[in-house]
Structure formats: structure tokens, C-alpha cells
């Protein structure tokens, strides 16, 4: 399992995507405001996602 790095975009939980802002031992903190439809989702701006629960969509180097 590859662990995300700060600046990566990850996808989790039925298509939500977020920008990784911090990497913890067992999880990452992601900012969801990068999604075009963020205003319509009624979710918090940031959330915590376990390393086992996301897929890296875009590397910070890409």
C-alpha cells in the first residue's frame, strides 16, 4: 500500500476527492474544497481518511 504525500489528490468514500494537507501515522487530513461541486455536498471542508480507505488519484509531481 502506497501512502499519500502532502499535495497528492486522493479519492475515497464513493468518489469524494481531496487534497492531502497532512500525513499522520494511520491517516491523512484532506481538504475537500478542491471539488467543483463542494458547495452542494454539505460536508466539512476538511476530513480525516485512514490510509486503507483512499486511492491516490494524482501525485503532487504530476
PDB file of N, CA and C in Angstrom:
ATOM      1  N   UNK A   1       0.846  -1.185   0.000  1.00  0.00           N
ATOM      2  CA  UNK A   1       0.000   0.000   0.000  1.00  0.00           C
ATOM      3  C   UNK A   1       0.889   1.245   0.000  1.00  0.00           C
ATOM      4  N   UNK A   2       0.658   2.108  -0.977  1.00  0.00           N
ATOM      5  CA  UNK A   2       1.417   3.351  -1.061  1.00  0.00           C
ATOM      6  C   UNK A   2       0.708   4.421  -0.239  1.00  0.00           C
ATOM      7  N   UNK A   3       1.451   5.117   0.597  1.00  0.00           N
ATOM      8  CA  UNK A   3       0.891   6.170   1.439  1.00  0.00           C
ATOM      9  C   UNK A   3       0.986   7.510   0.711  1.00  0.00           C
ATOM     10  N   UNK A   4      -0.089   8.252   0.748  1.00  0.00           N
ATOM     11  CA  UNK A   4      -0.137   9.567   0.098  1.00  0.00           C
ATOM     12  C   UNK A   4       0.832  10.534   0.759  1.00  0.00           C
ATOM     13  N   UNK A   5       1.220  11.542  -0.003  1.00  0.00           N
ATOM     14  CA  UNK A   5       2.085  12.604   0.500  1.00  0.00           C
ATOM     15  C   UNK A   5       1.334  13.920   0.440  1.00  0.00           C
ATOM     16  N   UNK A   6       1.822  14.911   1.176  1.00  0.00           N
ATOM     17  CA  UNK A   6       1.225  16.243   1.131  1.00  0.00           C
ATOM     18  C   UNK A   6       1.248  16.735  -0.311  1.00  0.00           C
ATOM     19  N   UNK A   7       0.106  17.213  -0.785  1.00  0.00           N
ATOM     20  CA  UNK A   7      -0.007  17.709  -2.158  1.00  0.00           C
ATOM     21  C   UNK A   7      -0.661  16.721  -3.111  1.00  0.00           C
ATOM     22  N   UNK A   8      -0.778  15.451  -2.708  1.00  0.00           N
ATOM     23  CA  UNK A   8      -1.465  14.459  -3.533  1.00  0.00           C
ATOM     24  C   UNK A   8      -2.972  14.701  -3.491  1.00  0.00           C
ATOM     25  N   UNK A   9      -3.652  14.260  -4.549  1.00  0.00           N
ATOM     26  CA  UNK A   9      -5.108  14.258  -4.550  1.00  0.00           C
ATOM     27  C   UNK A   9      -5.540  12.811  -4.387  1.00  0.00           C
ATOM     28  N   UNK A  10      -6.406  12.572  -3.413  1.00  0.00           N
ATOM     29  CA  UNK A  10      -6.867  11.210  -3.134  1.00  0.00           C
ATOM     30  C   UNK A  10      -8.381  11.131  -3.309  1.00  0.00           C
ATOM     31  N   UNK A  11      -8.844   9.917  -3.606  1.00  0.00           N
ATOM     32  CA  UNK A  11     -10.276   9.661  -3.739  1.00  0.00           C
ATOM     33  C   UNK A  11     -10.682   8.642  -2.686  1.00  0.00           C
ATOM     34  N   UNK A  12     -11.847   8.846  -2.101  1.00  0.00           N
ATOM     35  CA  UNK A  12     -12.329   7.958  -1.041  1.00  0.00           C
ATOM     36  C   UNK A  12     -13.838   8.042  -0.973  1.00  0.00           C
ATOM     37  N   UNK A  13     -14.435   7.089  -0.298  1.00  0.00           N
ATOM     38  CA  UNK A  13     -15.867   7.114   0.039  1.00  0.00           C
ATOM     39  C   UNK A  13     -16.762   7.562  -1.111  1.00  0.00           C
ATOM     40  N   UNK A  14     -17.000   6.696  -2.059  1.00  0.00           N
ATOM     41  CA  UNK A  14     -17.946   6.950  -3.153  1.00  0.00           C
ATOM     42  C   UNK A  14     -17.617   8.172  -4.001  1.00  0.00           C
ATOM     43  N   UNK A  15     -16.344   8.394  -4.292  1.00  0.00           N
ATOM     44  CA  UNK A  15     -15.970   9.428  -5.248  1.00  0.00           C
ATOM     45  C   UNK A  15     -15.584  10.779  -4.696  1.00  0.00           C
ATOM     46  N   UNK A  16     -15.587  10.958  -3.390  1.00  0.00           N
ATOM     47  CA  UNK A  16     -15.111  12.230  -2.847  1.00  0.00           C
ATOM     48  C   UNK A  16     -13.617  12.352  -3.113  1.00  0.00           C
ATOM     49  N   UNK A  17     -13.163  13.555  -3.437  1.00  0.00           N
ATOM     50  CA  UNK A  17     -11.742  13.785  -3.668  1.00  0.00           C
ATOM     51  C   UNK A  17     -11.269  14.941  -2.808  1.00  0.00           C
ATOM     52  N   UNK A  18     -10.011  14.853  -2.381  1.00  0.00           N
ATOM     53  CA  UNK A  18      -9.456  15.905  -1.552  1.00  0.00           C
ATOM     54  C   UNK A  18      -7.961  16.023  -1.711  1.00  0.00           C
ATOM     55  N   UNK A  19      -7.439  17.184  -1.370  1.00  0.00           N
ATOM     56  CA  UNK A  19      -6.015  17.485  -1.419  1.00  0.00           C
ATOM     57  C   UNK A  19      -5.410  17.173  -0.060  1.00  0.00           C
ATOM     58  N   UNK A  20      -4.382  16.332  -0.036  1.00  0.00           N
ATOM     59  CA  UNK A  20      -3.747  15.943   1.224  1.00  0.00           C
ATOM     60  C   UNK A  20      -2.984  17.138   1.796  1.00  0.00           C
ATOM     61  N   UNK A  21      -3.333  17.510   3.026  1.00  0.00           N
ATOM     62  CA  UNK A  21      -2.676  18.627   3.698  1.00  0.00           C
ATOM     63  C   UNK A  21      -1.713  18.172   4.782  1.00  0.00           C
ATOM     64  N   UNK A  22      -1.977  16.997   5.373  1.00  0.00           N
ATOM     65  CA  UNK A  22      -1.112  16.489   6.435  1.00  0.00           C
ATOM     66  C   UNK A  22      -1.156  14.973   6.421  1.00  0.00           C
ATOM     67  N   UNK A  23      -0.002  14.351   6.665  1.00  0.00           N
ATOM     68  CA  UNK A  23       0.080  12.893   6.731  1.00  0.00           C
ATOM     69  C   UNK A  23       0.363  12.503   8.173  1.00  0.00           C
ATOM     70  N   UNK A  24      -0.509  11.673   8.740  1.00  0.00           N
ATOM     71  CA  UNK A  24      -0.328  11.151  10.090  1.00  0.00           C
ATOM     72  C   UNK A  24       0.099   9.690  10.007  1.00  0.00           C
ATOM     73  N   UNK A  25       0.320   9.070  11.137  1.00  0.00           N
ATOM     74  CA  UNK A  25       0.775   7.686  11.161  1.00  0.00           C
ATOM     75  C   UNK A  25      -0.216   6.730  10.501  1.00  0.00           C
ATOM     76  N   UNK A  26      -1.508   6.910  10.788  1.00  0.00           N
ATOM     77  CA  UNK A  26      -2.521   5.995  10.272  1.00  0.00           C
ATOM     78  C   UNK A  26      -3.520   6.633   9.312  1.00  0.00           C
ATOM     79  N   UNK A  27      -3.360   7.924   9.037  1.00  0.00           N
ATOM     80  CA  UNK A  27      -4.358   8.627   8.235  1.00  0.00           C
ATOM     81  C   UNK A  27      -3.770   9.878   7.590  1.00  0.00           C
ATOM     82  N   UNK A  28      -4.596  10.490   6.740  1.00  0.00           N
ATOM     83  CA  UNK A  28      -4.242  11.777   6.140  1.00  0.00           C
ATOM     84  C   UNK A  28      -5.383  12.752   6.411  1.00  0.00           C
ATOM     85  N   UNK A  29      -5.059  14.032   6.434  1.00  0.00           N
ATOM     86  CA  UNK A  29      -6.069  15.079   6.535  1.00  0.00           C
ATOM     87  C   UNK A  29      -6.186  15.687   5.144  1.00  0.00           C
ATOM     88  N   UNK A  30      -7.417  15.685   4.609  1.00  0.00           N
ATOM     89  CA  UNK A  30      -7.626  16.164   3.243  1.00  0.00           C
ATOM     90  C   UNK A  30      -8.570  17.356   3.226  1.00  0.00           C
ATOM     91  N   UNK A  31      -8.325  18.251   2.276  1.00  0.00           N
ATOM     92  CA  UNK A  31      -9.152  19.427   2.054  1.00  0.00           C
ATOM     93  C   UNK A  31     -10.078  19.120   0.884  1.00  0.00           C
ATOM     94  N   UNK A  32     -11.374  19.148   1.119  1.00  0.00           N
ATOM     95  CA  UNK A  32     -12.355  18.776   0.104  1.00  0.00           C
ATOM     96  C   UNK A  32     -12.785  19.938  -0.787  1.00  0.00           C
ATOM     97  N   UNK A  33     -12.353  21.153  -0.505  1.00  0.00           N
ATOM     98  CA  UNK A  33     -12.821  22.318  -1.261  1.00  0.00           C
ATOM     99  C   UNK A  33     -12.313  22.345  -2.700  1.00  0.00           C
ATOM    100  N   UNK A  34     -11.431  21.409  -3.083  1.00  0.00           N
ATOM    101  CA  UNK A  34     -10.941  21.373  -4.468  1.00  0.00           C
ATOM    102  C   UNK A  34     -11.988  20.819  -5.428  1.00  0.00           C
ATOM    103  N   UNK A  35     -13.013  20.153  -4.905  1.00  0.00           N
ATOM    104  CA  UNK A  35     -14.053  19.581  -5.766  1.00  0.00           C
ATOM    105  C   UNK A  35     -14.963  20.679  -6.299  1.00  0.00           C
ATOM    106  N   UNK A  36     -15.318  20.602  -7.588  1.00  0.00           N
ATOM    107  CA  UNK A  36     -16.166  21.620  -8.205  1.00  0.00           C
ATOM    108  C   UNK A  36     -17.530  21.717  -7.533  1.00  0.00           C
ATOM    109  N   UNK A  37     -18.070  20.579  -7.106  1.00  0.00           N
ATOM    110  CA  UNK A  37     -19.407  20.568  -6.506  1.00  0.00           C
ATOM    111  C   UNK A  37     -19.379  20.622  -4.976  1.00  0.00           C
ATOM    112  N   UNK A  38     -18.305  21.087  -4.390  1.00  0.00           N
ATOM    113  CA  UNK A  38     -18.158  21.108  -2.930  1.00  0.00           C
ATOM    114  C   UNK A  38     -19.313  21.846  -2.248  1.00  0.00           C
ATOM    115  N   UNK A  39     -19.709  22.988  -2.766  1.00  0.00           N
ATOM    116  CA  UNK A  39     -20.758  23.805  -2.134  1.00  0.00           C
ATOM    117  C   UNK A  39     -22.090  23.065  -2.028  1.00  0.00           C
ATOM    118  N   UNK A  40     -22.345  22.115  -2.929  1.00  0.00           N
ATOM    119  CA  UNK A  40     -23.618  21.404  -2.954  1.00  0.00           C
ATOM    120  C   UNK A  40     -23.613  20.128  -2.115  1.00  0.00           C
ATOM    121  N   UNK A  41     -22.466  19.728  -1.603  1.00  0.00           N
ATOM    122  CA  UNK A  41     -22.358  18.455  -0.901  1.00  0.00           C
ATOM    123  C   UNK A  41     -22.730  18.510   0.573  1.00  0.00           C
ATOM    124  N   UNK A  42     -22.684  19.678   1.163  1.00  0.00           N
ATOM    125  CA  UNK A  42     -22.974  19.849   2.587  1.00  0.00           C
ATOM    126  C   UNK A  42     -22.076  18.967   3.456  1.00  0.00           C
ATOM    127  N   UNK A  43     -20.767  19.046   3.206  1.00  0.00           N
ATOM    128  CA  UNK A  43     -19.774  18.341   4.017  1.00  0.00           C
ATOM    129  C   UNK A  43     -18.780  19.361   4.567  1.00  0.00           C
ATOM    130  N   UNK A  44     -18.024  18.955   5.580  1.00  0.00           N
ATOM    131  CA  UNK A  44     -16.998  19.822   6.156  1.00  0.00           C
ATOM    132  C   UNK A  44     -15.889  20.074   5.128  1.00  0.00           C
ATOM    133  N   UNK A  45     -15.138  21.162   5.305  1.00  0.00           N
ATOM    134  CA  UNK A  45     -14.045  21.489   4.389  1.00  0.00           C
ATOM    135  C   UNK A  45     -12.917  20.473   4.454  1.00  0.00           C
ATOM    136  N   UNK A  46     -12.648  19.942   5.643  1.00  0.00           N
ATOM    137  CA  UNK A  46     -11.548  19.004   5.830  1.00  0.00           C
ATOM    138  C   UNK A  46     -12.056  17.756   6.532  1.00  0.00           C
ATOM    139  N   UNK A  47     -11.369  16.640   6.264  1.00  0.00           N
ATOM    140  CA  UNK A  47     -11.732  15.392   6.928  1.00  0.00           C
ATOM    141  C   UNK A  47     -10.498  14.515   7.062  1.00  0.00           C
ATOM    142  N   UNK A  48     -10.606  13.517   7.916  1.00  0.00           N
ATOM    143  CA  UNK A  48      -9.523  12.559   8.150  1.00  0.00           C
ATOM    144  C   UNK A  48      -9.882  11.256   7.445  1.00  0.00           C
ATOM    145  N   UNK A  49      -8.908  10.694   6.704  1.00  0.00           N
ATOM    146  CA  UNK A  49      -9.145   9.458   5.971  1.00  0.00           C
ATOM    147  C   UNK A  49      -8.025   8.468   6.313  1.00  0.00           C
ATOM    148  N   UNK A  50      -8.398   7.277   6.724  1.00  0.00           N
ATOM    149  CA  UNK A  50      -7.443   6.225   7.032  1.00  0.00           C
ATOM    150  C   UNK A  50      -6.682   5.831   5.767  1.00  0.00           C
ATOM    151  N   UNK A  51      -5.414   5.459   5.908  1.00  0.00           N
ATOM    152  CA  UNK A  51      -4.592   5.069   4.760  1.00  0.00           C
ATOM    153  C   UNK A  51      -5.212   3.922   3.965  1.00  0.00           C
ATOM    154  N   UNK A  52      -5.973   3.058   4.623  1.00  0.00           N
ATOM    155  CA  UNK A  52      -6.580   1.907   3.946  1.00  0.00           C
ATOM    156  C   UNK A  52      -7.811   2.288   3.136  1.00  0.00           C
ATOM    157  N   UNK A  53      -8.296   3.513   3.293  1.00  0.00           N
ATOM    158  CA  UNK A  53      -9.592   3.905   2.727  1.00  0.00           C
ATOM    159  C   UNK A  53      -9.512   4.845   1.527  1.00  0.00           C
ATOM    160  N   UNK A  54      -8.338   5.165   1.035  1.00  0.00           N
ATOM    161  CA  UNK A  54      -8.254   6.066  -0.114  1.00  0.00           C
ATOM    162  C   UNK A  54      -7.401   5.482  -1.228  1.00  0.00           C
ATOM    163  N   UNK A  55      -7.534   6.109  -2.409  1.00  0.00           N
ATOM    164  CA  UNK A  55      -6.720   5.757  -3.572  1.00  0.00           C
ATOM    165  C   UNK A  55      -6.098   7.050  -4.080  1.00  0.00           C
ATOM    166  N   UNK A  56      -4.799   7.034  -4.339  1.00  0.00           N
ATOM    167  CA  UNK A  56      -4.112   8.226  -4.841  1.00  0.00           C
ATOM    168  C   UNK A  56      -4.508   8.429  -6.296  1.00  0.00           C
ATOM    169  N   UNK A  57      -5.085   9.592  -6.599  1.00  0.00           N
ATOM    170  CA  UNK A  57      -5.553   9.906  -7.949  1.00  0.00           C
ATOM    171  C   UNK A  57      -4.511  10.710  -8.724  1.00  0.00           C
ATOM    172  N   UNK A  58      -3.828  11.596  -8.020  1.00  0.00           N
ATOM    173  CA  UNK A  58      -2.857  12.469  -8.682  1.00  0.00           C
ATOM    174  C   UNK A  58      -1.711  12.758  -7.724  1.00  0.00           C
ATOM    175  N   UNK A  59      -0.511  12.522  -8.200  1.00  0.00           N
ATOM    176  CA  UNK A  59       0.675  12.795  -7.404  1.00  0.00           C
ATOM    177  C   UNK A  59       0.961  14.284  -7.430  1.00  0.00           C
ATOM    178  N   UNK A  60       1.594  14.787  -6.390  1.00  0.00           N
ATOM    179  CA  UNK A  60       1.931  16.219  -6.354  1.00  0.00           C
ATOM    180  C   UNK A  60       2.928  16.592  -7.445  1.00  0.00           C
ATOM    181  N   UNK A  61       3.648  15.603  -7.979  1.00  0.00           N
ATOM    182  CA  UNK A  61       4.643  15.862  -9.020  1.00  0.00           C
ATOM    183  C   UNK A  61       4.033  15.875 -10.415  1.00  0.00           C
ATOM    184  N   UNK A  62       2.804  15.393 -10.539  1.00  0.00           N
ATOM    185  CA  UNK A  62       2.164  15.279 -11.863  1.00  0.00           C
ATOM    186  C   UNK A  62       1.574  16.577 -12.328  1.00  0.00           C
TER     187      UNK A  62
END
